[in-house]
C-alpha atoms as a PDB file:
ATOM      1  CA  MET A   1      -2.080 -12.601 -13.791  1.00  0.00           C
ATOM      2  CA  SER A   2      -0.699 -10.134 -11.270  1.00  0.00           C
ATOM      3  CA  SER A   3      -1.895  -8.683  -7.999  1.00  0.00           C
ATOM      4  CA  TYR A   4      -0.545  -5.967  -5.757  1.00  0.00           C
ATOM      5  CA  VAL A   5      -0.138  -4.979  -2.124  1.00  0.00           C
ATOM      6  CA  ILE A   6       0.037  -1.210  -1.677  1.00  0.00           C
ATOM      7  CA  PHE A   7       1.235   0.652   1.393  1.00  0.00           C
ATOM      8  CA  ASN A   8       0.755   4.439   1.657  1.00  0.00           C
ATOM      9  CA  TYR A   9       2.225   5.799   4.870  1.00  0.00           C
ATOM     10  CA  LYS A  10       4.118   8.441   6.770  1.00  0.00           C
ATOM     11  CA  ILE A  11       7.237   7.503   8.685  1.00  0.00           C
ATOM     12  CA  LEU A  12       7.134   8.024  12.456  1.00  0.00           C
ATOM     13  CA  ASP A  13      10.617   6.643  13.232  1.00  0.00           C
ATOM     14  CA  ARG A  14      12.996   6.946  10.275  1.00  0.00           C
ATOM     15  CA  SER A  15      15.851   5.339  12.256  1.00  0.00           C
ATOM     16  CA  LYS A  16      14.120   1.941  12.000  1.00  0.00           C
ATOM     17  CA  ILE A  17      13.169   1.915   8.303  1.00  0.00           C
ATOM     18  CA  ASP A  18      16.327   0.046   7.256  1.00  0.00           C
ATOM     19  CA  GLU A  19      15.596  -2.604   9.892  1.00  0.00           C
ATOM     20  CA  LEU A  20      12.078  -2.980   8.511  1.00  0.00           C
ATOM     21  CA  THR A  21      13.470  -3.487   5.015  1.00  0.00           C
ATOM     22  CA  GLU A  22      16.021  -6.065   6.200  1.00  0.00           C
ATOM     23  CA  ARG A  23      13.389  -8.001   8.120  1.00  0.00           C
ATOM     24  CA  VAL A  24      10.920  -8.188   5.239  1.00  0.00           C
ATOM     25  CA  ILE A  25      13.357  -9.225   2.460  1.00  0.00           C
ATOM     26  CA  PRO A  26      13.429 -12.961   3.383  1.00  0.00           C
ATOM     27  CA  ILE A  27       9.621 -13.026   3.542  1.00  0.00           C
ATOM     28  CA  ASP A  28       9.405 -11.315   0.155  1.00  0.00           C
ATOM     29  CA  LYS A  29      11.731 -13.917  -1.346  1.00  0.00           C
ATOM     30  CA  LYS A  30       9.758 -16.804   0.166  1.00  0.00           C
ATOM     31  CA  TYR A  31       6.494 -15.597  -1.413  1.00  0.00           C
ATOM     32  CA  GLY A  32       7.886 -14.221  -4.674  1.00  0.00           C
ATOM     33  CA  ALA A  33       7.074 -10.601  -3.817  1.00  0.00           C
ATOM     34  CA  GLU A  34       8.604  -7.991  -6.096  1.00  0.00           C
ATOM     35  CA  VAL A  35       8.880  -4.381  -4.963  1.00  0.00           C
ATOM     36  CA  ILE A  36       7.902  -2.341  -8.021  1.00  0.00           C
ATOM     37  CA  VAL A  37       7.525   1.030  -6.253  1.00  0.00           C
ATOM     38  CA  GLY A  38       9.323   2.348  -3.194  1.00  0.00           C
ATOM     39  CA  SER A  39       9.170   6.107  -3.337  1.00  0.00           C
ATOM     40  CA  PRO A  40       8.227   9.396  -1.766  1.00  0.00           C
ATOM     41  CA  VAL A  41       4.832  10.562  -3.035  1.00  0.00           C
ATOM     42  CA  LYS A  42       3.814  13.871  -4.571  1.00  0.00           C
ATOM     43  CA  SER A  43       0.057  13.901  -4.947  1.00  0.00           C
ATOM     44  CA  VAL A  44      -1.322  15.447  -8.126  1.00  0.00           C
ATOM     45  CA  GLU A  45      -4.932  14.839  -7.090  1.00  0.00           C
ATOM     46  CA  GLY A  46      -6.432  14.230  -3.671  1.00  0.00           C
ATOM     47  CA  GLN A  47      -4.423  13.751  -0.529  1.00  0.00           C
ATOM     48  CA  ALA A  48      -1.813  11.024  -0.231  1.00  0.00           C
ATOM     49  CA  LEU A  49       0.560  10.198   2.583  1.00  0.00           C
ATOM     50  CA  PRO A  50       4.217  10.985   1.854  1.00  0.00           C
ATOM     51  CA  ASN A  51       5.541   7.448   1.095  1.00  0.00           C
ATOM     52  CA  MET A  52       4.430   4.469  -0.974  1.00  0.00           C
ATOM     53  CA  VAL A  53       5.556   0.896  -1.490  1.00  0.00           C
ATOM     54  CA  ILE A  54       3.887  -1.367  -4.039  1.00  0.00           C
ATOM     55  CA  TYR A  55       4.550  -5.099  -4.163  1.00  0.00           C
ATOM     56  CA  LYS A  56       3.715  -7.215  -7.202  1.00  0.00           C
ATOM     57  CA  PHE A  57       2.703 -10.880  -6.918  1.00  0.00           C
ATOM     58  CA  SER A  58       1.961 -13.515  -9.522  1.00  0.00           C
ATOM     59  CA  ASP A  59      -1.679 -13.753  -8.398  1.00  0.00           C
ATOM     60  CA  PHE A  60      -4.179 -12.549  -5.808  1.00  0.00           C
ATOM     61  CA  GLU A  61      -4.036 -15.654  -3.602  1.00  0.00           C
ATOM     62  CA  LEU A  62      -0.251 -15.384  -3.274  1.00  0.00           C
ATOM     63  CA  ALA A  63      -0.524 -11.688  -2.346  1.00  0.00           C
ATOM     64  CA  LYS A  64      -3.027 -12.594   0.402  1.00  0.00           C
ATOM     65  CA  LYS A  65      -0.898 -15.523   1.546  1.00  0.00           C
ATOM     66  CA  TRP A  66       2.135 -13.185   1.890  1.00  0.00           C
ATOM     67  CA  TYR A  67       0.207 -10.453   3.723  1.00  0.00           C
ATOM     68  CA  TYR A  68      -1.537 -12.789   6.180  1.00  0.00           C
ATOM     69  CA  SER A  69       1.441 -15.118   6.702  1.00  0.00           C
ATOM     70  CA  LYS A  70       2.692 -15.549  10.259  1.00  0.00           C
ATOM     71  CA  GLU A  71       6.054 -14.074   9.255  1.00  0.00           C
ATOM     72  CA  HIS A  72       4.507 -10.965   7.746  1.00  0.00           C
ATOM     73  CA  GLN A  73       2.095 -10.453  10.623  1.00  0.00           C
ATOM     74  CA  GLU A  74       5.115 -10.206  12.935  1.00  0.00           C
ATOM     75  CA  ILE A  75       6.590  -7.545  10.624  1.00  0.00           C
ATOM     76  CA  LEU A  76       3.221  -5.770  10.499  1.00  0.00           C
ATOM     77  CA  VAL A  77       3.380  -5.076  14.237  1.00  0.00           C
ATOM     78  CA  PHE A  78       6.861  -3.576  13.844  1.00  0.00           C
ATOM     79  CA  ARG A  79       5.828  -1.555  10.756  1.00  0.00           C
ATOM     80  CA  GLN A  80       2.773  -0.131  12.502  1.00  0.00           C
ATOM     81  CA  ALA A  81       4.983   1.026  15.388  1.00  0.00           C
ATOM     82  CA  ILE A  82       7.224   3.065  13.074  1.00  0.00           C
ATOM     83  CA  THR A  83       4.773   4.164  10.355  1.00  0.00           C
ATOM     84  CA  GLU A  84       1.188   5.328  10.080  1.00  0.00           C
ATOM     85  CA  GLY A  85      -0.968   4.780   7.022  1.00  0.00           C
ATOM     86  CA  TRP A  86      -2.973   2.217   5.121  1.00  0.00           C
ATOM     87  CA  ALA A  87      -2.517  -0.942   3.074  1.00  0.00           C
ATOM     88  CA  THR A  88      -4.613  -2.763   0.499  1.00  0.00           C
ATOM     89  CA  ILE A  89      -4.446  -5.955  -1.533  1.00  0.00           C
ATOM     90  CA  ILE A  90      -5.762  -5.486  -5.051  1.00  0.00           C
ATOM     91  CA  PRO A  91      -6.086  -7.863  -7.968  1.00  0.00           C
ATOM     92  CA  GLY A  92      -4.689  -7.252 -11.405  1.00  0.00           C
ATOM     93  CA  VAL A  93      -7.277  -6.443 -14.046  1.00  0.00           C
ATOM     94  CA  ASP A  94      -7.499 -10.090 -15.125  1.00  0.00           C
ATOM     95  CA  GLU A  95      -8.649 -11.193 -11.650  1.00  0.00           C
ATOM     96  CA  VAL A  96     -11.103  -8.378 -10.841  1.00  0.00           C
ATOM     97  CA  ASP A  97     -14.266  -9.948 -12.288  1.00  0.00           C
ATOM     98  CA  LYS A  98     -13.684 -13.216 -10.432  1.00  0.00           C
ATOM     99  CA  LEU A  99     -13.225 -11.389  -7.115  1.00  0.00           C
ATOM    100  CA  VAL A 100     -16.243  -9.145  -7.657  1.00  0.00           C
ATOM    101  CA  GLU A 101     -18.348 -12.274  -8.199  1.00  0.00           C
ATOM    102  CA  THR A 102     -17.091 -13.760  -4.913  1.00  0.00           C
ATOM    103  CA  GLY A 103     -18.209 -10.668  -2.997  1.00  0.00           C
ATOM    104  CA  TYR A 104     -14.649  -9.782  -1.964  1.00  0.00           C
ATOM    105  CA  PHE A 105     -15.235  -6.065  -2.527  1.00  0.00           C
ATOM    106  CA  ASP A 106     -18.634  -5.885  -0.806  1.00  0.00           C
ATOM    107  CA  CYS A 107     -18.657  -3.523   2.138  1.00  0.00           C
ATOM    108  CA  LYS A 108     -20.947  -4.768   4.845  1.00  0.00           C
ATOM    109  CA  PRO A 109     -21.828  -2.593   7.852  1.00  0.00           C
END
């Protein structure tokens, strides 16, 4: 089983990107996060922001635990000050049905 955290963003302050990377590495190690994509983006369909990072986790619960951890929430504030974009936590294909059944993907007004 695998799950992913995806960030699609534009950089507002490039001078602080290396600091962001340095600050998040220990958190990634603690939760077993693996960066599988860290790249500029060229959209071939639709409109994407110019940068993307994709983290891979062993399962959905670990991805959520990493994202919502106290350590990562402190980084989130810093990241949002120097970038603008969106993030999502998505399950691997083997966990989708279970999460659909729980109502995780339901959008409620």
